[in-house]
Amino acid sequence: MKTDARVIYTNNVLKNALLTYLEQKPLCKISVSEICTMAGVNRSTFYKHYDGCNELYEKIEKEQLEEFKNSLINCNLNASLDVTYTIFNVKENQPALCKLLAIESTHDAILNKIMKITYEHCLPAWKKHTANATENECKVLLSFLIRGVR
């Protein structure tokens, strides 16, 4: 079933408004009214799509993590350079995910979900093709690719 262009537009402006406000203040301090004003959408329209700001945030997060997962699925997991390229291209390919990562209050939770997705999709292939590396060594390398040195 194809989604109506107006629904797609409405969802996009609501998501963009929330992401803009998240750069300024925590989710708990953002009101539906603020989002609607910035998006140019009536509150009743907002509530046709979402129960509140938390549901809108969860939808954005879910979509962005799913897109990241798909980008890993579509790369050659046996080639560490492809995985590295996919991870480093998040900034260009998924600006909304980068905005979520830049928010101090959500950074760690999002990063942990990215790590889990990466481990689930990369570790089996890397363990298979790097006979000399332990699972823990592969995890450390993947962690370094995503988090850098900590």
N, C-alpha and C. Protein backbone atom coordinates (compact mmCIF):
# COMPACT_ATOMS: atom_id res chain seq x y z
N MET A 1 0.84 -1.18 0.00
CA MET A 1 0.00 0.00 0.00
C MET A 1 0.89 1.24 0.00
N LYS A 2 0.60 2.15 -0.89
CA LYS A 2 1.39 3.36 -1.02
C LYS A 2 0.88 4.42 -0.06
N THR A 3 1.83 5.11 0.58
CA THR A 3 1.47 6.16 1.51
C THR A 3 1.23 7.46 0.75
N ASP A 4 0.19 8.15 1.13
CA ASP A 4 -0.18 9.43 0.53
C ASP A 4 0.97 10.43 0.69
N ALA A 5 1.22 11.25 -0.34
CA ALA A 5 2.30 12.23 -0.31
C ALA A 5 2.13 13.23 0.83
N ARG A 6 0.89 13.56 1.15
CA ARG A 6 0.64 14.51 2.25
C ARG A 6 1.05 13.92 3.59
N VAL A 7 0.81 12.62 3.76
CA VAL A 7 1.20 11.94 5.01
C VAL A 7 2.72 11.90 5.12
N ILE A 8 3.38 11.59 4.02
CA ILE A 8 4.84 11.57 4.00
C ILE A 8 5.39 12.95 4.36
N TYR A 9 4.84 13.97 3.74
CA TYR A 9 5.27 15.35 4.01
C TYR A 9 5.06 15.69 5.49
N THR A 10 3.88 15.39 6.01
CA THR A 10 3.57 15.70 7.41
C THR A 10 4.54 15.00 8.35
N ASN A 11 4.77 13.71 8.12
CA ASN A 11 5.71 12.97 8.97
C ASN A 11 7.11 13.57 8.90
N ASN A 12 7.54 13.96 7.71
CA ASN A 12 8.88 14.53 7.56
C ASN A 12 9.03 15.87 8.27
N VAL A 13 8.04 16.74 8.15
CA VAL A 13 8.17 18.05 8.82
C VAL A 13 8.09 17.90 10.33
N LEU A 14 7.30 16.96 10.82
CA LEU A 14 7.24 16.71 12.26
C LEU A 14 8.57 16.16 12.78
N LYS A 15 9.14 15.22 12.05
CA LYS A 15 10.44 14.65 12.45
C LYS A 15 11.52 15.72 12.44
N ASN A 16 11.55 16.53 11.39
CA ASN A 16 12.57 17.58 11.30
C ASN A 16 12.42 18.60 12.43
N ALA A 17 11.19 18.94 12.76
CA ALA A 17 10.95 19.88 13.85
C ALA A 17 11.46 19.31 15.18
N LEU A 18 11.15 18.05 15.44
CA LEU A 18 11.61 17.43 16.69
C LEU A 18 13.14 17.38 16.72
N LEU A 19 13.76 16.99 15.62
CA LEU A 19 15.22 16.93 15.59
C LEU A 19 15.84 18.31 15.83
N THR A 20 15.21 19.33 15.29
CA THR A 20 15.71 20.70 15.50
C THR A 20 15.62 21.08 16.98
N TYR A 21 14.49 20.78 17.60
CA TYR A 21 14.34 21.10 19.02
C TYR A 21 15.27 20.26 19.90
N LEU A 22 15.54 19.02 19.50
CA LEU A 22 16.43 18.17 20.29
C LEU A 22 17.86 18.72 20.34
N GLU A 23 18.21 19.53 19.36
CA GLU A 23 19.53 20.18 19.38
C GLU A 23 19.58 21.28 20.44
N GLN A 24 18.41 21.74 20.87
CA GLN A 24 18.32 22.87 21.79
C GLN A 24 18.00 22.46 23.23
N LYS A 25 17.22 21.39 23.39
CA LYS A 25 16.79 21.00 24.73
C LYS A 25 16.39 19.53 24.76
N PRO A 26 16.30 18.95 25.96
CA PRO A 26 15.95 17.52 26.07
C PRO A 26 14.50 17.24 25.65
N LEU A 27 14.27 16.01 25.28
CA LEU A 27 12.95 15.58 24.80
C LEU A 27 11.85 15.91 25.80
N CYS A 28 12.10 15.73 27.07
CA CYS A 28 11.08 15.97 28.10
C CYS A 28 10.66 17.44 28.20
N LYS A 29 11.45 18.33 27.62
CA LYS A 29 11.13 19.77 27.66
C LYS A 29 10.50 20.27 26.36
N ILE A 30 10.28 19.37 25.41
CA ILE A 30 9.71 19.75 24.11
C ILE A 30 8.22 19.45 24.12
N SER A 31 7.43 20.41 23.69
CA SER A 31 5.97 20.22 23.68
C SER A 31 5.48 19.94 22.25
N VAL A 32 4.35 19.29 22.19
CA VAL A 32 3.70 19.04 20.90
C VAL A 32 3.39 20.36 20.21
N SER A 33 2.98 21.36 20.98
CA SER A 33 2.68 22.68 20.40
C SER A 33 3.89 23.29 19.70
N GLU A 34 5.06 23.17 20.33
CA GLU A 34 6.28 23.70 19.72
C GLU A 34 6.58 23.00 18.40
N ILE A 35 6.47 21.69 18.42
CA ILE A 35 6.74 20.91 17.20
C ILE A 35 5.77 21.31 16.11
N CYS A 36 4.50 21.41 16.45
CA CYS A 36 3.48 21.75 15.46
C CYS A 36 3.70 23.14 14.88
N THR A 37 4.05 24.09 15.73
CA THR A 37 4.30 25.45 15.27
C THR A 37 5.46 25.47 14.28
N MET A 38 6.56 24.82 14.65
CA MET A 38 7.72 24.80 13.76
C MET A 38 7.41 24.06 12.46
N ALA A 39 6.64 22.98 12.55
CA ALA A 39 6.33 22.18 11.37
C ALA A 39 5.21 22.78 10.52
N GLY A 40 4.47 23.72 11.09
CA GLY A 40 3.34 24.29 10.37
C GLY A 40 2.19 23.30 10.25
N VAL A 41 1.99 22.53 11.31
CA VAL A 41 0.98 21.47 11.32
C VAL A 41 0.07 21.69 12.53
N ASN A 42 -1.21 21.43 12.40
CA ASN A 42 -2.15 21.54 13.51
C ASN A 42 -1.91 20.41 14.52
N ARG A 43 -2.22 20.69 15.78
CA ARG A 43 -2.08 19.68 16.82
C ARG A 43 -2.93 18.44 16.52
N SER A 44 -4.12 18.66 15.99
CA SER A 44 -4.99 17.51 15.67
C SER A 44 -4.33 16.61 14.62
N THR A 45 -3.63 17.22 13.68
CA THR A 45 -2.91 16.44 12.67
C THR A 45 -1.78 15.65 13.32
N PHE A 46 -1.05 16.30 14.24
CA PHE A 46 0.01 15.61 14.97
C PHE A 46 -0.56 14.36 15.65
N TYR A 47 -1.67 14.53 16.36
CA TYR A 47 -2.24 13.43 17.13
C TYR A 47 -2.88 12.35 16.25
N LYS A 48 -3.11 12.63 14.98
CA LYS A 48 -3.54 11.57 14.05
C LYS A 48 -2.40 10.59 13.78
N HIS A 49 -1.17 11.09 13.92
CA HIS A 49 0.00 10.27 13.61
C HIS A 49 0.71 9.73 14.84
N TYR A 50 0.72 10.49 15.93
CA TYR A 50 1.50 10.14 17.12
C TYR A 50 0.73 10.44 18.39
N ASP A 51 1.03 9.69 19.45
CA ASP A 51 0.43 9.94 20.76
C ASP A 51 1.12 11.07 21.49
N GLY A 52 2.36 11.35 21.13
CA GLY A 52 3.11 12.41 21.79
C GLY A 52 4.53 12.48 21.25
N CYS A 53 5.34 13.33 21.86
CA CYS A 53 6.71 13.54 21.42
C CYS A 53 7.56 12.28 21.54
N ASN A 54 7.33 11.49 22.59
CA ASN A 54 8.11 10.27 22.78
C ASN A 54 7.89 9.28 21.64
N GLU A 55 6.66 9.14 21.20
CA GLU A 55 6.37 8.22 20.10
C GLU A 55 7.03 8.70 18.81
N LEU A 56 7.00 9.99 18.56
CA LEU A 56 7.66 10.55 17.38
C LEU A 56 9.16 10.30 17.46
N TYR A 57 9.75 10.54 18.62
CA TYR A 57 11.18 10.27 18.80
C TYR A 57 11.50 8.79 18.54
N GLU A 58 10.70 7.91 19.12
CA GLU A 58 10.93 6.46 18.95
C GLU A 58 10.84 6.05 17.49
N LYS A 59 9.93 6.67 16.75
CA LYS A 59 9.81 6.36 15.32
C LYS A 59 11.06 6.80 14.57
N ILE A 60 11.56 7.99 14.87
CA ILE A 60 12.78 8.48 14.23
C ILE A 60 13.94 7.53 14.54
N GLU A 61 14.10 7.21 15.80
CA GLU A 61 15.19 6.32 16.22
C GLU A 61 15.09 4.97 15.52
N LYS A 62 13.91 4.39 15.52
CA LYS A 62 13.71 3.08 14.90
C LYS A 62 14.04 3.11 13.41
N GLU A 63 13.56 4.13 12.71
CA GLU A 63 13.82 4.25 11.27
C GLU A 63 15.32 4.41 10.99
N GLN A 64 15.98 5.23 11.80
CA GLN A 64 17.40 5.47 11.57
C GLN A 64 18.24 4.23 11.87
N LEU A 65 17.92 3.51 12.92
CA LEU A 65 18.66 2.29 13.24
C LEU A 65 18.39 1.20 12.20
N GLU A 66 17.18 1.14 11.71
CA GLU A 66 16.85 0.18 10.65
C GLU A 66 17.63 0.50 9.37
N GLU A 67 17.73 1.77 9.04
CA GLU A 67 18.51 2.18 7.86
C GLU A 67 19.98 1.83 8.03
N PHE A 68 20.52 2.06 9.23
CA PHE A 68 21.91 1.70 9.51
C PHE A 68 22.10 0.19 9.36
N LYS A 69 21.19 -0.58 9.91
CA LYS A 69 21.25 -2.04 9.82
C LYS A 69 21.23 -2.48 8.35
N ASN A 70 20.36 -1.89 7.56
CA ASN A 70 20.29 -2.23 6.14
C ASN A 70 21.57 -1.87 5.39
N SER A 71 22.19 -0.77 5.78
CA SER A 71 23.46 -0.40 5.12
C SER A 71 24.54 -1.42 5.44
N LEU A 72 24.52 -1.99 6.65
CA LEU A 72 25.48 -3.04 6.99
C LEU A 72 25.17 -4.33 6.25
N ILE A 73 23.90 -4.64 6.14
CA ILE A 73 23.49 -5.86 5.43
C ILE A 73 23.92 -5.79 3.97
N ASN A 74 23.85 -4.59 3.39
CA ASN A 74 24.16 -4.43 1.98
C ASN A 74 25.65 -4.27 1.68
N CYS A 75 26.49 -4.18 2.71
CA CYS A 75 27.92 -4.08 2.44
C CYS A 75 28.56 -5.46 2.54
N ASN A 76 29.76 -5.58 2.01
CA ASN A 76 30.50 -6.83 2.07
C ASN A 76 31.11 -6.97 3.45
N LEU A 77 30.49 -7.78 4.30
CA LEU A 77 30.94 -7.91 5.69
C LEU A 77 32.30 -8.58 5.80
N ASN A 78 32.71 -9.28 4.75
CA ASN A 78 34.00 -9.94 4.78
C ASN A 78 35.15 -8.96 4.54
N ALA A 79 34.83 -7.80 4.02
CA ALA A 79 35.84 -6.79 3.74
C ALA A 79 35.75 -5.70 4.81
N SER A 80 36.73 -5.65 5.68
CA SER A 80 36.68 -4.69 6.78
C SER A 80 36.62 -3.26 6.26
N LEU A 81 37.20 -3.01 5.08
CA LEU A 81 37.15 -1.66 4.52
C LEU A 81 35.71 -1.27 4.16
N ASP A 82 34.91 -2.20 3.67
CA ASP A 82 33.50 -1.91 3.36
C ASP A 82 32.73 -1.56 4.63
N VAL A 83 32.97 -2.29 5.69
CA VAL A 83 32.29 -2.02 6.96
C VAL A 83 32.73 -0.65 7.48
N THR A 84 34.02 -0.39 7.42
CA THR A 84 34.54 0.90 7.86
C THR A 84 33.92 2.03 7.05
N TYR A 85 33.87 1.86 5.76
CA TYR A 85 33.29 2.87 4.86
C TYR A 85 31.82 3.11 5.21
N THR A 86 31.08 2.04 5.45
CA THR A 86 29.67 2.15 5.81
C THR A 86 29.50 2.94 7.11
N ILE A 87 30.30 2.64 8.09
CA ILE A 87 30.21 3.32 9.39
C ILE A 87 30.57 4.79 9.25
N PHE A 88 31.67 5.07 8.55
CA PHE A 88 32.10 6.46 8.41
C PHE A 88 31.19 7.29 7.52
N ASN A 89 30.40 6.65 6.68
CA ASN A 89 29.49 7.38 5.80
C ASN A 89 28.13 7.66 6.43
N VAL A 90 27.96 7.31 7.69
CA VAL A 90 26.70 7.61 8.37
C VAL A 90 26.43 9.11 8.32
N LYS A 91 27.45 9.93 8.50
CA LYS A 91 27.27 11.39 8.49
C LYS A 91 26.64 11.86 7.19
N GLU A 92 27.11 11.33 6.09
CA GLU A 92 26.59 11.74 4.78
C GLU A 92 25.25 11.10 4.47
N ASN A 93 25.12 9.82 4.78
CA ASN A 93 23.94 9.06 4.37
C ASN A 93 22.78 9.13 5.36
N GLN A 94 23.07 9.42 6.62
CA GLN A 94 22.02 9.44 7.64
C GLN A 94 22.18 10.64 8.57
N PRO A 95 21.93 11.84 8.07
CA PRO A 95 22.09 13.03 8.92
C PRO A 95 21.20 13.01 10.16
N ALA A 96 20.03 12.40 10.08
CA ALA A 96 19.15 12.35 11.25
C ALA A 96 19.76 11.49 12.35
N LEU A 97 20.39 10.38 11.97
CA LEU A 97 21.05 9.54 12.96
C LEU A 97 22.20 10.30 13.61
N CYS A 98 22.91 11.07 12.82
CA CYS A 98 24.00 11.89 13.38
C CYS A 98 23.47 12.93 14.35
N LYS A 99 22.31 13.50 14.05
CA LYS A 99 21.72 14.46 14.99
C LYS A 99 21.38 13.77 16.31
N LEU A 100 20.84 12.55 16.22
CA LEU A 100 20.52 11.81 17.45
C LEU A 100 21.79 11.50 18.24
N LEU A 101 22.87 11.18 17.53
CA LEU A 101 24.13 10.88 18.20
C LEU A 101 24.74 12.12 18.84
N ALA A 102 24.46 13.28 18.28
CA ALA A 102 25.03 14.53 18.79
C ALA A 102 24.33 15.03 20.05
N ILE A 103 23.17 14.47 20.35
CA ILE A 103 22.41 14.92 21.51
C ILE A 103 22.93 14.19 22.74
N GLU A 104 23.43 14.95 23.67
CA GLU A 104 24.09 14.37 24.83
C GLU A 104 23.18 13.41 25.60
N SER A 105 21.92 13.75 25.73
CA SER A 105 21.00 12.93 26.53
C SER A 105 20.66 11.59 25.87
N THR A 106 20.84 11.47 24.56
CA THR A 106 20.51 10.21 23.88
C THR A 106 21.73 9.52 23.30
N HIS A 107 22.88 10.17 23.35
CA HIS A 107 24.10 9.68 22.70
C HIS A 107 24.44 8.23 23.07
N ASP A 108 24.58 7.96 24.36
CA ASP A 108 25.02 6.64 24.79
C ASP A 108 24.02 5.54 24.41
N ALA A 109 22.75 5.81 24.57
CA ALA A 109 21.74 4.80 24.24
C ALA A 109 21.75 4.47 22.75
N ILE A 110 21.83 5.49 21.90
CA ILE A 110 21.86 5.27 20.44
C ILE A 110 23.15 4.54 20.06
N LEU A 111 24.26 4.97 20.62
CA LEU A 111 25.54 4.35 20.31
C LEU A 111 25.55 2.87 20.70
N ASN A 112 24.97 2.54 21.84
CA ASN A 112 24.88 1.14 22.26
C ASN A 112 24.03 0.33 21.29
N LYS A 113 22.97 0.91 20.78
CA LYS A 113 22.13 0.20 19.80
C LYS A 113 22.87 0.00 18.48
N ILE A 114 23.65 1.00 18.08
CA ILE A 114 24.46 0.87 16.87
C ILE A 114 25.50 -0.23 17.06
N MET A 115 26.12 -0.26 18.24
CA MET A 115 27.10 -1.31 18.53
C MET A 115 26.46 -2.69 18.45
N LYS A 116 25.29 -2.83 19.03
CA LYS A 116 24.60 -4.14 19.02
C LYS A 116 24.30 -4.58 17.59
N ILE A 117 23.78 -3.67 16.78
CA ILE A 117 23.49 -3.99 15.38
C ILE A 117 24.78 -4.38 14.65
N THR A 118 25.84 -3.64 14.88
CA THR A 118 27.10 -3.92 14.21
C THR A 118 27.65 -5.28 14.63
N TYR A 119 27.63 -5.57 15.91
CA TYR A 119 28.09 -6.87 16.39
C TYR A 119 27.28 -8.00 15.76
N GLU A 120 25.97 -7.85 15.78
CA GLU A 120 25.09 -8.91 15.24
C GLU A 120 25.36 -9.20 13.77
N HIS A 121 25.68 -8.16 13.01
CA HIS A 121 25.82 -8.35 11.56
C HIS A 121 27.26 -8.53 11.09
N CYS A 122 28.22 -8.08 11.87
CA CYS A 122 29.61 -8.16 11.43
C CYS A 122 30.41 -9.28 12.09
N LEU A 123 30.15 -9.54 13.35
CA LEU A 123 30.98 -10.51 14.08
C LEU A 123 31.02 -11.89 13.43
N PRO A 124 29.89 -12.46 13.04
CA PRO A 124 29.96 -13.80 12.44
C PRO A 124 30.87 -13.86 11.21
N ALA A 125 30.74 -12.87 10.33
CA ALA A 125 31.58 -12.85 9.12
C ALA A 125 33.04 -12.62 9.47
N TRP A 126 33.29 -11.71 10.39
CA TRP A 126 34.68 -11.40 10.75
C TRP A 126 35.34 -12.59 11.45
N LYS A 127 34.60 -13.28 12.32
CA LYS A 127 35.17 -14.44 13.00
C LYS A 127 35.50 -15.54 11.99
N LYS A 128 34.64 -15.69 11.01
CA LYS A 128 34.82 -16.73 9.99
C LYS A 128 36.06 -16.45 9.14
N HIS A 129 36.32 -15.20 8.84
CA HIS A 129 37.40 -14.85 7.91
C HIS A 129 38.68 -14.37 8.60
N THR A 130 38.67 -14.31 9.90
CA THR A 130 39.89 -13.94 10.64
C THR A 130 40.14 -15.01 11.68
N ALA A 131 40.66 -16.12 11.21
CA ALA A 131 40.86 -17.29 12.07
C ALA A 131 41.78 -16.99 13.25
N ASN A 132 42.67 -16.03 13.10
CA ASN A 132 43.63 -15.73 14.16
C ASN A 132 43.06 -14.78 15.21
N ALA A 133 41.93 -14.17 14.94
CA ALA A 133 41.36 -13.20 15.88
C ALA A 133 40.26 -13.84 16.72
N THR A 134 40.25 -13.52 17.98
CA THR A 134 39.20 -14.01 18.86
C THR A 134 37.95 -13.15 18.68
N GLU A 135 36.85 -13.61 19.21
CA GLU A 135 35.61 -12.82 19.15
C GLU A 135 35.81 -11.49 19.86
N ASN A 136 36.48 -11.53 21.00
CA ASN A 136 36.71 -10.30 21.74
C ASN A 136 37.58 -9.32 20.95
N GLU A 137 38.58 -9.80 20.25
CA GLU A 137 39.42 -8.93 19.42
C GLU A 137 38.61 -8.29 18.29
N CYS A 138 37.72 -9.06 17.71
CA CYS A 138 36.83 -8.51 16.66
C CYS A 138 35.91 -7.45 17.26
N LYS A 139 35.38 -7.70 18.45
CA LYS A 139 34.52 -6.72 19.12
C LYS A 139 35.28 -5.43 19.41
N VAL A 140 36.51 -5.55 19.85
CA VAL A 140 37.32 -4.37 20.15
C VAL A 140 37.54 -3.57 18.88
N LEU A 141 37.84 -4.23 17.77
CA LEU A 141 38.04 -3.54 16.51
C LEU A 141 36.77 -2.82 16.06
N LEU A 142 35.64 -3.51 16.13
CA LEU A 142 34.37 -2.89 15.76
C LEU A 142 34.05 -1.71 16.67
N SER A 143 34.30 -1.87 17.95
CA SER A 143 34.08 -0.79 18.91
C SER A 143 34.95 0.41 18.57
N PHE A 144 36.20 0.15 18.21
CA PHE A 144 37.10 1.23 17.82
C PHE A 144 36.60 1.95 16.57
N LEU A 145 36.11 1.19 15.59
CA LEU A 145 35.59 1.80 14.36
C LEU A 145 34.40 2.74 14.65
N ILE A 146 33.57 2.35 15.60
CA ILE A 146 32.37 3.13 15.89
C ILE A 146 32.63 4.21 16.92
N ARG A 147 33.29 3.89 18.00
CA ARG A 147 33.47 4.82 19.10
C ARG A 147 34.78 5.59 19.09
N GLY A 148 35.78 5.02 18.44
CA GLY A 148 37.11 5.60 18.54
C GLY A 148 37.75 5.12 19.84
N VAL A 149 38.82 5.70 20.21
CA VAL A 149 39.52 5.30 21.42
C VAL A 149 38.81 5.87 22.62
N ARG A 150 38.56 5.08 23.63
CA ARG A 150 37.91 5.53 24.87
C ARG A 150 38.79 5.26 26.03
